[in-house]
PDB file of N, CA and C in Angstrom:
ATOM      1  N   UNK A   1    -126.517  54.773-103.330  1.00  0.00           N
ATOM      2  CA  UNK A   1    -127.490  54.548-101.763  1.00  0.00           C
ATOM      3  C   UNK A   1    -127.481  53.500-101.893  1.00  0.00           C
ATOM      4  N   UNK A   2    -126.524  53.047-100.336  1.00  0.00           N
ATOM      5  CA  UNK A   2    -126.332  52.461 -99.560  1.00  0.00           C
ATOM      6  C   UNK A   2    -127.400  51.905 -99.023  1.00  0.00           C
ATOM      7  N   UNK A   3    -127.541  50.609 -98.291  1.00  0.00           N
ATOM      8  CA  UNK A   3    -128.278  49.623 -97.775  1.00  0.00           C
ATOM      9  C   UNK A   3    -128.009  49.074 -97.130  1.00  0.00           C
ATOM     10  N   UNK A   4    -128.256  49.194 -95.859  1.00  0.00           N
ATOM     11  CA  UNK A   4    -127.799  47.895 -94.961  1.00  0.00           C
ATOM     12  C   UNK A   4    -129.210  47.529 -94.469  1.00  0.00           C
ATOM     13  N   UNK A   5    -129.220  45.989 -93.704  1.00  0.00           N
ATOM     14  CA  UNK A   5    -130.536  45.763 -92.557  1.00  0.00           C
ATOM     15  C   UNK A   5    -129.438  45.177 -90.893  1.00  0.00           C
ATOM     16  N   UNK A   6    -130.440  45.655 -90.369  1.00  0.00           N
ATOM     17  CA  UNK A   6    -129.843  45.995 -89.160  1.00  0.00           C
ATOM     18  C   UNK A   6    -130.627  45.094 -87.858  1.00  0.00           C
ATOM     19  N   UNK A   7    -130.562  43.563 -87.919  1.00  0.00           N
ATOM     20  CA  UNK A   7    -131.083  42.925 -87.029  1.00  0.00           C
ATOM     21  C   UNK A   7    -130.977  42.947 -85.631  1.00  0.00           C
ATOM     22  N   UNK A   8    -132.456  43.355 -84.503  1.00  0.00           N
ATOM     23  CA  UNK A   8    -131.740  43.622 -83.198  1.00  0.00           C
ATOM     24  C   UNK A   8    -132.620  42.936 -82.363  1.00  0.00           C
ATOM     25  N   UNK A   9    -131.570  43.044 -81.053  1.00  0.00           N
ATOM     26  CA  UNK A   9    -131.928  42.427 -79.894  1.00  0.00           C
ATOM     27  C   UNK A   9    -133.078  44.047 -79.154  1.00  0.00           C
ATOM     28  N   UNK A  10    -134.003  43.446 -78.149  1.00  0.00           N
ATOM     29  CA  UNK A  10    -134.550  44.349 -78.005  1.00  0.00           C
ATOM     30  C   UNK A  10    -135.082  44.401 -76.027  1.00  0.00           C
ATOM     31  N   UNK A  11    -135.427  44.763 -75.195  1.00  0.00           N
ATOM     32  CA  UNK A  11    -136.031  44.158 -73.663  1.00  0.00           C
ATOM     33  C   UNK A  11    -137.592  44.624 -74.577  1.00  0.00           C
ATOM     34  N   UNK A  12    -138.119  43.051 -74.274  1.00  0.00           N
ATOM     35  CA  UNK A  12    -139.086  43.194 -75.026  1.00  0.00           C
ATOM     36  C   UNK A  12    -140.365  44.547 -74.203  1.00  0.00           C
ATOM     37  N   UNK A  13    -140.174  44.762 -73.526  1.00  0.00           N
ATOM     38  CA  UNK A  13    -141.165  45.920 -72.473  1.00  0.00           C
ATOM     39  C   UNK A  13    -140.887  47.114 -73.802  1.00  0.00           C
ATOM     40  N   UNK A  14    -139.755  47.255 -74.326  1.00  0.00           N
ATOM     41  CA  UNK A  14    -139.846  48.422 -74.621  1.00  0.00           C
ATOM     42  C   UNK A  14    -139.779  48.685 -76.366  1.00  0.00           C
ATOM     43  N   UNK A  15    -140.598  47.549 -76.954  1.00  0.00           N
ATOM     44  CA  UNK A  15    -140.468  47.166 -78.607  1.00  0.00           C
ATOM     45  C   UNK A  15    -140.745  48.684 -79.423  1.00  0.00           C
ATOM     46  N   UNK A  16    -142.138  49.426 -78.444  1.00  0.00           N
ATOM     47  CA  UNK A  16    -142.280  50.377 -79.722  1.00  0.00           C
ATOM     48  C   UNK A  16    -141.609  51.864 -78.957  1.00  0.00           C
ATOM     49  N   UNK A  17    -141.043  52.035 -77.909  1.00  0.00           N
ATOM     50  CA  UNK A  17    -140.324  53.073 -77.721  1.00  0.00           C
ATOM     51  C   UNK A  17    -138.777  52.540 -78.202  1.00  0.00           C
ATOM     52  N   UNK A  18    -138.412  51.678 -78.237  1.00  0.00           N
ATOM     53  CA  UNK A  18    -137.311  51.762 -79.188  1.00  0.00           C
ATOM     54  C   UNK A  18    -137.340  51.552 -80.535  1.00  0.00           C
ATOM     55  N   UNK A  19    -138.328  51.227 -81.330  1.00  0.00           N
ATOM     56  CA  UNK A  19    -138.753  51.262 -82.691  1.00  0.00           C
ATOM     57  C   UNK A  19    -138.473  52.637 -83.215  1.00  0.00           C
ATOM     58  N   UNK A  20    -139.755  53.724 -82.616  1.00  0.00           N
ATOM     59  CA  UNK A  20    -139.321  55.305 -82.805  1.00  0.00           C
ATOM     60  C   UNK A  20    -138.088  55.625 -82.260  1.00  0.00           C
ATOM     61  N   UNK A  21    -136.990  55.014 -81.653  1.00  0.00           N
ATOM     62  CA  UNK A  21    -136.132  55.622 -80.933  1.00  0.00           C
ATOM     63  C   UNK A  21    -135.597  55.773 -82.571  1.00  0.00           C
ATOM     64  N   UNK A  22    -135.412  54.386 -82.752  1.00  0.00           N
ATOM     65  CA  UNK A  22    -134.393  54.352 -84.066  1.00  0.00           C
ATOM     66  C   UNK A  22    -134.818  54.955 -85.188  1.00  0.00           C
ATOM     67  N   UNK A  23    -135.936  55.424 -85.695  1.00  0.00           N
ATOM     68  CA  UNK A  23    -136.626  56.147 -86.694  1.00  0.00           C
ATOM     69  C   UNK A  23    -136.479  57.511 -86.017  1.00  0.00           C
ATOM     70  N   UNK A  24    -135.577  58.065 -85.568  1.00  0.00           N
ATOM     71  CA  UNK A  24    -135.732  59.505 -85.461  1.00  0.00           C
ATOM     72  C   UNK A  24    -133.884  59.403 -85.370  1.00  0.00           C
ATOM     73  N   UNK A  25    -133.410  58.249 -85.870  1.00  0.00           N
ATOM     74  CA  UNK A  25    -132.053  58.393 -86.348  1.00  0.00           C
ATOM     75  C   UNK A  25    -131.972  58.477 -87.778  1.00  0.00           C
ATOM     76  N   UNK A  26    -131.322  59.785 -88.178  1.00  0.00           N
ATOM     77  CA  UNK A  26    -131.221  60.239 -89.884  1.00  0.00           C
ATOM     78  C   UNK A  26    -130.091  58.978 -90.200  1.00  0.00           C
ATOM     79  N   UNK A  27    -131.099  58.083 -91.542  1.00  0.00           N
ATOM     80  CA  UNK A  27    -130.406  57.464 -92.162  1.00  0.00           C
ATOM     81  C   UNK A  27    -131.295  55.559 -92.048  1.00  0.00           C
ATOM     82  N   UNK A  28    -131.833  56.032 -90.972  1.00  0.00           N
ATOM     83  CA  UNK A  28    -132.425  54.378 -91.074  1.00  0.00           C
ATOM     84  C   UNK A  28    -134.375  55.398 -91.565  1.00  0.00           C
ATOM     85  N   UNK A  29    -134.425  53.780 -92.244  1.00  0.00           N
ATOM     86  CA  UNK A  29    -135.493  54.863 -93.019  1.00  0.00           C
ATOM     87  C   UNK A  29    -136.961  54.101 -92.601  1.00  0.00           C
ATOM     88  N   UNK A  30    -136.515  52.640 -92.062  1.00  0.00           N
ATOM     89  CA  UNK A  30    -137.481  51.879 -91.771  1.00  0.00           C
ATOM     90  C   UNK A  30    -137.685  50.717 -90.586  1.00  0.00           C
ATOM     91  N   UNK A  31    -138.133  51.115 -89.950  1.00  0.00           N
ATOM     92  CA  UNK A  31    -137.850  49.781 -88.653  1.00  0.00           C
ATOM     93  C   UNK A  31    -139.162  49.128 -88.612  1.00  0.00           C
ATOM     94  N   UNK A  32    -138.889  47.433 -88.691  1.00  0.00           N
ATOM     95  CA  UNK A  32    -139.949  46.627 -88.478  1.00  0.00           C
ATOM     96  C   UNK A  32    -140.333  46.058 -87.707  1.00  0.00           C
ATOM     97  N   UNK A  33    -141.133  45.664 -86.441  1.00  0.00           N
ATOM     98  CA  UNK A  33    -141.019  44.074 -85.547  1.00  0.00           C
ATOM     99  C   UNK A  33    -141.499  43.147 -85.888  1.00  0.00           C
ATOM    100  N   UNK A  34    -140.865  42.429 -86.062  1.00  0.00           N
ATOM    101  CA  UNK A  34    -140.916  41.203 -86.622  1.00  0.00           C
ATOM    102  C   UNK A  34    -141.211  39.167 -85.783  1.00  0.00           C
ATOM    103  N   UNK A  35    -140.954  38.534 -85.548  1.00  0.00           N
ATOM    104  CA  UNK A  35    -141.203  36.888 -85.377  1.00  0.00           C
ATOM    105  C   UNK A  35    -139.754  36.690 -85.431  1.00  0.00           C
ATOM    106  N   UNK A  36    -139.492  35.676 -85.059  1.00  0.00           N
ATOM    107  CA  UNK A  36    -138.456  35.034 -84.812  1.00  0.00           C
ATOM    108  C   UNK A  36    -137.569  35.477 -84.278  1.00  0.00           C
ATOM    109  N   UNK A  37    -135.999  34.870 -84.056  1.00  0.00           N
ATOM    110  CA  UNK A  37    -134.922  35.161 -83.223  1.00  0.00           C
ATOM    111  C   UNK A  37    -134.734  36.599 -83.242  1.00  0.00           C
ATOM    112  N   UNK A  38    -135.380  37.839 -83.666  1.00  0.00           N
ATOM    113  CA  UNK A  38    -134.659  38.909 -83.490  1.00  0.00           C
ATOM    114  C   UNK A  38    -136.002  39.991 -83.215  1.00  0.00           C
ATOM    115  N   UNK A  39    -135.989  40.874 -82.850  1.00  0.00           N
ATOM    116  CA  UNK A  39    -137.218  41.779 -82.320  1.00  0.00           C
ATOM    117  C   UNK A  39    -137.762  42.634 -83.362  1.00  0.00           C
ATOM    118  N   UNK A  40    -136.747  43.423 -83.984  1.00  0.00           N
ATOM    119  CA  UNK A  40    -136.999  44.595 -84.935  1.00  0.00           C
ATOM    120  C   UNK A  40    -135.489  44.664 -85.739  1.00  0.00           C
ATOM    121  N   UNK A  41    -136.252  45.029 -87.158  1.00  0.00           N
ATOM    122  CA  UNK A  41    -135.269  45.487 -88.049  1.00  0.00           C
ATOM    123  C   UNK A  41    -135.632  46.160 -88.857  1.00  0.00           C
ATOM    124  N   UNK A  42    -133.955  46.761 -88.604  1.00  0.00           N
ATOM    125  CA  UNK A  42    -134.098  48.537 -89.343  1.00  0.00           C
ATOM    126  C   UNK A  42    -133.550  48.605 -90.456  1.00  0.00           C
ATOM    127  N   UNK A  43    -133.753  49.261 -91.186  1.00  0.00           N
ATOM    128  CA  UNK A  43    -133.140  49.357 -92.886  1.00  0.00           C
ATOM    129  C   UNK A  43    -132.711  50.941 -93.004  1.00  0.00           C
ATOM    130  N   UNK A  44    -131.059  50.870 -93.434  1.00  0.00           N
ATOM    131  CA  UNK A  44    -130.588  51.930 -93.391  1.00  0.00           C
ATOM    132  C   UNK A  44    -130.643  51.975 -94.895  1.00  0.00           C
ATOM    133  N   UNK A  45    -130.269  53.641 -95.461  1.00  0.00           N
ATOM    134  CA  UNK A  45    -130.818  54.028 -96.618  1.00  0.00           C
ATOM    135  C   UNK A  45    -129.548  54.968 -96.270  1.00  0.00           C
ATOM    136  N   UNK A  46    -128.031  54.964 -96.670  1.00  0.00           N
ATOM    137  CA  UNK A  46    -127.341  55.674 -96.837  1.00  0.00           C
ATOM    138  C   UNK A  46    -126.671  55.983 -98.184  1.00  0.00           C
ATOM    139  N   UNK A  47    -125.805  57.691 -97.898  1.00  0.00           N
ATOM    140  CA  UNK A  47    -124.531  57.579 -98.672  1.00  0.00           C
ATOM    141  C   UNK A  47    -123.588  57.361 -98.687  1.00  0.00           C
ATOM    142  N   UNK A  48    -123.030  56.598 -98.140  1.00  0.00           N
ATOM    143  CA  UNK A  48    -121.360  56.215 -97.728  1.00  0.00           C
ATOM    144  C   UNK A  48    -121.706  55.193 -96.810  1.00  0.00           C
ATOM    145  N   UNK A  49    -120.348  54.434 -96.938  1.00  0.00           N
ATOM    146  CA  UNK A  49    -120.174  52.878 -96.048  1.00  0.00           C
ATOM    147  C   UNK A  49    -119.885  53.742 -94.494  1.00  0.00           C
ATOM    148  N   UNK A  50    -118.773  54.569 -94.748  1.00  0.00           N
ATOM    149  CA  UNK A  50    -118.221  55.272 -92.698  1.00  0.00           C
ATOM    150  C   UNK A  50    -120.115  55.916 -91.835  1.00  0.00           C
ATOM    151  N   UNK A  51    -120.901  55.885 -93.111  1.00  0.00           N
ATOM    152  CA  UNK A  51    -122.371  56.255 -91.897  1.00  0.00           C
ATOM    153  C   UNK A  51    -123.075  54.759 -90.929  1.00  0.00           C
ATOM    154  N   UNK A  52    -122.773  53.784 -91.886  1.00  0.00           N
ATOM    155  CA  UNK A  52    -123.029  52.669 -91.312  1.00  0.00           C
ATOM    156  C   UNK A  52    -122.372  52.626 -89.767  1.00  0.00           C
ATOM    157  N   UNK A  53    -121.098  52.671 -89.804  1.00  0.00           N
ATOM    158  CA  UNK A  53    -120.587  52.643 -88.466  1.00  0.00           C
ATOM    159  C   UNK A  53    -120.984  53.846 -87.640  1.00  0.00           C
ATOM    160  N   UNK A  54    -120.915  55.120 -87.899  1.00  0.00           N
ATOM    161  CA  UNK A  54    -121.693  55.624 -86.904  1.00  0.00           C
ATOM    162  C   UNK A  54    -122.553  55.744 -86.506  1.00  0.00           C
ATOM    163  N   UNK A  55    -123.766  54.883 -87.654  1.00  0.00           N
ATOM    164  CA  UNK A  55    -125.270  54.758 -86.406  1.00  0.00           C
ATOM    165  C   UNK A  55    -125.374  53.496 -86.114  1.00  0.00           C
ATOM    166  N   UNK A  56    -124.687  52.755 -86.357  1.00  0.00           N
ATOM    167  CA  UNK A  56    -125.013  51.226 -85.187  1.00  0.00           C
ATOM    168  C   UNK A  56    -123.923  50.956 -84.579  1.00  0.00           C
ATOM    169  N   UNK A  57    -122.227  52.026 -84.400  1.00  0.00           N
ATOM    170  CA  UNK A  57    -121.865  51.887 -82.977  1.00  0.00           C
ATOM    171  C   UNK A  57    -121.721  53.062 -81.934  1.00  0.00           C
ATOM    172  N   UNK A  58    -122.709  54.526 -82.677  1.00  0.00           N
ATOM    173  CA  UNK A  58    -122.816  55.249 -81.850  1.00  0.00           C
ATOM    174  C   UNK A  58    -123.949  55.878 -81.487  1.00  0.00           C
ATOM    175  N   UNK A  59    -124.858  55.608 -82.606  1.00  0.00           N
ATOM    176  CA  UNK A  59    -126.370  56.128 -81.939  1.00  0.00           C
ATOM    177  C   UNK A  59    -127.177  55.356 -82.048  1.00  0.00           C
ATOM    178  N   UNK A  60    -127.045  53.865 -82.595  1.00  0.00           N
ATOM    179  CA  UNK A  60    -127.869  52.740 -81.989  1.00  0.00           C
ATOM    180  C   UNK A  60    -127.253  52.468 -80.487  1.00  0.00           C
ATOM    181  N   UNK A  61    -125.972  52.361 -79.947  1.00  0.00           N
ATOM    182  CA  UNK A  61    -125.585  51.482 -79.213  1.00  0.00           C
ATOM    183  C   UNK A  61    -126.000  52.993 -77.766  1.00  0.00           C
ATOM    184  N   UNK A  62    -126.289  54.156 -78.617  1.00  0.00           N
ATOM    185  CA  UNK A  62    -126.792  54.923 -76.935  1.00  0.00           C
ATOM    186  C   UNK A  62    -128.120  54.363 -77.002  1.00  0.00           C
ATOM    187  N   UNK A  63    -129.411  53.756 -78.022  1.00  0.00           N
ATOM    188  CA  UNK A  63    -130.738  53.072 -77.024  1.00  0.00           C
ATOM    189  C   UNK A  63    -130.179  52.197 -76.393  1.00  0.00           C
ATOM    190  N   UNK A  64    -130.280  52.066 -74.851  1.00  0.00           N
ATOM    191  CA  UNK A  64    -130.124  51.569 -73.783  1.00  0.00           C
ATOM    192  C   UNK A  64    -130.779  50.440 -73.595  1.00  0.00           C
ATOM    193  N   UNK A  65    -132.399  50.056 -74.832  1.00  0.00           N
ATOM    194  CA  UNK A  65    -132.815  49.257 -74.274  1.00  0.00           C
ATOM    195  C   UNK A  65    -132.284  47.958 -75.343  1.00  0.00           C
ATOM    196  N   UNK A  66    -132.180  48.207 -76.636  1.00  0.00           N
ATOM    197  CA  UNK A  66    -130.994  47.721 -77.376  1.00  0.00           C
ATOM    198  C   UNK A  66    -129.726  46.951 -76.895  1.00  0.00           C
ATOM    199  N   UNK A  67    -129.814  45.329 -77.043  1.00  0.00           N
ATOM    200  CA  UNK A  67    -129.435  44.453 -76.344  1.00  0.00           C
ATOM    201  C   UNK A  67    -127.810  43.914 -77.039  1.00  0.00           C
ATOM    202  N   UNK A  68    -128.372  43.825 -78.932  1.00  0.00           N
ATOM    203  CA  UNK A  68    -127.500  43.234 -79.591  1.00  0.00           C
ATOM    204  C   UNK A  68    -127.703  43.677 -80.661  1.00  0.00           C
ATOM    205  N   UNK A  69    -127.226  43.442 -81.515  1.00  0.00           N
ATOM    206  CA  UNK A  69    -127.382  43.811 -83.321  1.00  0.00           C
ATOM    207  C   UNK A  69    -126.547  43.074 -84.248  1.00  0.00           C
ATOM    208  N   UNK A  70    -127.014  42.644 -85.197  1.00  0.00           N
ATOM    209  CA  UNK A  70    -126.374  42.326 -86.311  1.00  0.00           C
ATOM    210  C   UNK A  70    -126.276  43.164 -87.310  1.00  0.00           C
ATOM    211  N   UNK A  71    -125.437  43.675 -88.347  1.00  0.00           N
ATOM    212  CA  UNK A  71    -125.681  44.550 -89.414  1.00  0.00           C
ATOM    213  C   UNK A  71    -125.293  43.630 -90.619  1.00  0.00           C
ATOM    214  N   UNK A  72    -126.279  43.927 -91.674  1.00  0.00           N
ATOM    215  CA  UNK A  72    -125.879  43.271 -92.976  1.00  0.00           C
ATOM    216  C   UNK A  72    -125.710  44.427 -93.831  1.00  0.00           C
ATOM    217  N   UNK A  73    -124.491  44.451 -94.638  1.00  0.00           N
ATOM    218  CA  UNK A  73    -124.798  45.625 -95.455  1.00  0.00           C
ATOM    219  C   UNK A  73    -124.915  45.135 -96.683  1.00  0.00           C
ATOM    220  N   UNK A  74    -126.250  45.451 -97.247  1.00  0.00           N
ATOM    221  CA  UNK A  74    -126.484  44.668 -98.736  1.00  0.00           C
ATOM    222  C   UNK A  74    -125.444  45.225 -99.757  1.00  0.00           C
ATOM    223  N   UNK A  75    -125.368  44.330-101.659  1.00  0.00           N
ATOM    224  CA  UNK A  75    -124.476  43.899-101.864  1.00  0.00           C
ATOM    225  C   UNK A  75    -125.351  44.570-103.124  1.00  0.00           C
ATOM    226  N   UNK A  76    -126.638  43.808-103.684  1.00  0.00           N
ATOM    227  CA  UNK A  76    -127.559  43.873-105.335  1.00  0.00           C
ATOM    228  C   UNK A  76    -128.954  43.661-104.546  1.00  0.00           C
ATOM    229  N   UNK A  77    -130.037  44.267-104.970  1.00  0.00           N
ATOM    230  CA  UNK A  77    -131.141  44.661-104.932  1.00  0.00           C
ATOM    231  C   UNK A  77    -131.790  43.614-105.712  1.00  0.00           C
ATOM    232  N   UNK A  78    -133.105  42.666-105.214  1.00  0.00           N
ATOM    233  CA  UNK A  78    -133.633  41.995-106.561  1.00  0.00           C
ATOM    234  C   UNK A  78    -135.219  42.568-105.731  1.00  0.00           C
ATOM    235  N   UNK A  79    -135.651  42.657-107.008  1.00  0.00           N
ATOM    236  CA  UNK A  79    -137.304  42.424-106.385  1.00  0.00           C
ATOM    237  C   UNK A  79    -138.197  41.996-107.700  1.00  0.00           C
ATOM    238  N   UNK A  80    -139.190  42.370-107.504  1.00  0.00           N
ATOM    239  CA  UNK A  80    -140.074  41.211-108.384  1.00  0.00           C
ATOM    240  C   UNK A  80    -139.891  41.958-109.654  1.00  0.00           C
ATOM    241  N   UNK A  81    -140.269  43.161-109.570  1.00  0.00           N
ATOM    242  CA  UNK A  81    -140.079  44.193-110.846  1.00  0.00           C
ATOM    243  C   UNK A  81    -138.941  44.002-111.878  1.00  0.00           C
ATOM    244  N   UNK A  82    -137.378  43.410-110.942  1.00  0.00           N
ATOM    245  CA  UNK A  82    -136.413  43.470-111.772  1.00  0.00           C
ATOM    246  C   UNK A  82    -136.702  42.043-112.475  1.00  0.00           C
ATOM    247  N   UNK A  83    -136.924  41.624-111.618  1.00  0.00           N
ATOM    248  CA  UNK A  83    -136.491  39.816-111.846  1.00  0.00           C
ATOM    249  C   UNK A  83    -137.818  39.850-113.200  1.00  0.00           C
ATOM    250  N   UNK A  84    -138.744  40.446-113.709  1.00  0.00           N
ATOM    251  CA  UNK A  84    -139.752  40.250-114.225  1.00  0.00           C
ATOM    252  C   UNK A  84    -138.872  40.683-115.762  1.00  0.00           C
ATOM    253  N   UNK A  85    -138.311  41.894-115.446  1.00  0.00           N
ATOM    254  CA  UNK A  85    -137.657  42.247-116.443  1.00  0.00           C
ATOM    255  C   UNK A  85    -136.390  41.788-117.060  1.00  0.00           C
ATOM    256  N   UNK A  86    -135.905  40.620-115.846  1.00  0.00           N
ATOM    257  CA  UNK A  86    -135.272  40.165-116.357  1.00  0.00           C
ATOM    258  C   UNK A  86    -135.295  38.512-117.566  1.00  0.00           C
ATOM    259  N   UNK A  87    -136.328  38.399-116.849  1.00  0.00           N
ATOM    260  CA  UNK A  87    -137.113  36.752-117.476  1.00  0.00           C
ATOM    261  C   UNK A  87    -137.398  37.598-118.739  1.00  0.00           C
ATOM    262  N   UNK A  88    -138.113  38.266-119.534  1.00  0.00           N
ATOM    263  CA  UNK A  88    -138.870  38.499-120.342  1.00  0.00           C
ATOM    264  C   UNK A  88    -137.789  39.190-121.278  1.00  0.00           C
ATOM    265  N   UNK A  89    -136.661  39.138-121.014  1.00  0.00           N
ATOM    266  CA  UNK A  89    -135.763  39.408-122.119  1.00  0.00           C
ATOM    267  C   UNK A  89    -135.893  38.349-123.441  1.00  0.00           C
ATOM    268  N   UNK A  90    -135.546  38.884-124.385  1.00  0.00           N
ATOM    269  CA  UNK A  90    -135.632  38.374-125.385  1.00  0.00           C
ATOM    270  C   UNK A  90    -137.154  37.625-125.722  1.00  0.00           C
ATOM    271  N   UNK A  91    -138.335  37.987-125.506  1.00  0.00           N
ATOM    272  CA  UNK A  91    -139.277  37.649-125.545  1.00  0.00           C
ATOM    273  C   UNK A  91    -140.190  38.744-125.871  1.00  0.00           C
ATOM    274  N   UNK A  92    -139.924  39.470-126.842  1.00  0.00           N
ATOM    275  CA  UNK A  92    -140.870  40.679-126.769  1.00  0.00           C
ATOM    276  C   UNK A  92    -141.069  40.016-128.023  1.00  0.00           C
ATOM    277  N   UNK A  93    -142.695  39.918-128.467  1.00  0.00           N
ATOM    278  CA  UNK A  93    -143.205  40.211-129.880  1.00  0.00           C
ATOM    279  C   UNK A  93    -142.582  41.068-130.976  1.00  0.00           C
ATOM    280  N   UNK A  94    -142.546  40.005-131.562  1.00  0.00           N
ATOM    281  CA  UNK A  94    -142.383  40.380-133.205  1.00  0.00           C
ATOM    282  C   UNK A  94    -143.233  41.505-133.589  1.00  0.00           C
ATOM    283  N   UNK A  95    -143.019  42.452-134.355  1.00  0.00           N
ATOM    284  CA  UNK A  95    -144.121  43.015-134.976  1.00  0.00           C
ATOM    285  C   UNK A  95    -144.639  42.859-135.762  1.00  0.00           C
ATOM    286  N   UNK A  96    -145.911  42.573-135.692  1.00  0.00           N
ATOM    287  CA  UNK A  96    -146.806  42.229-136.680  1.00  0.00           C
ATOM    288  C   UNK A  96    -147.501  43.605-138.194  1.00  0.00           C
ATOM    289  N   UNK A  97    -147.826  42.864-139.019  1.00  0.00           N
ATOM    290  CA  UNK A  97    -148.035  43.998-140.380  1.00  0.00           C
ATOM    291  C   UNK A  97    -147.261  43.072-141.454  1.00  0.00           C
ATOM    292  N   UNK A  98    -147.352  43.830-142.454  1.00  0.00           N
ATOM    293  CA  UNK A  98    -146.692  43.636-143.641  1.00  0.00           C
ATOM    294  C   UNK A  98    -145.907  43.599-143.551  1.00  0.00           C
TER     295      UNK A  98
END
């Protein structure tokens, strides 16, 4: 599974409508409204890299309230669960008993 993060500038008065329009695009898994330089963040979950180009340059481009995007393909996923497991390597308790 390929993941990409898309940072999105939107006409401010249309954030909810834009978020809903993004969610209707196949491959858009989640949309977050955020504070800071961008208005929305879309998480894409795709089977092939080619799908990313179609979603961002064709499907998202049709949403007139989006003024600019920045797409970041993800290479590696790190999560708390993965980090806990990584740091626990070699830390297994030895068996007790005789």
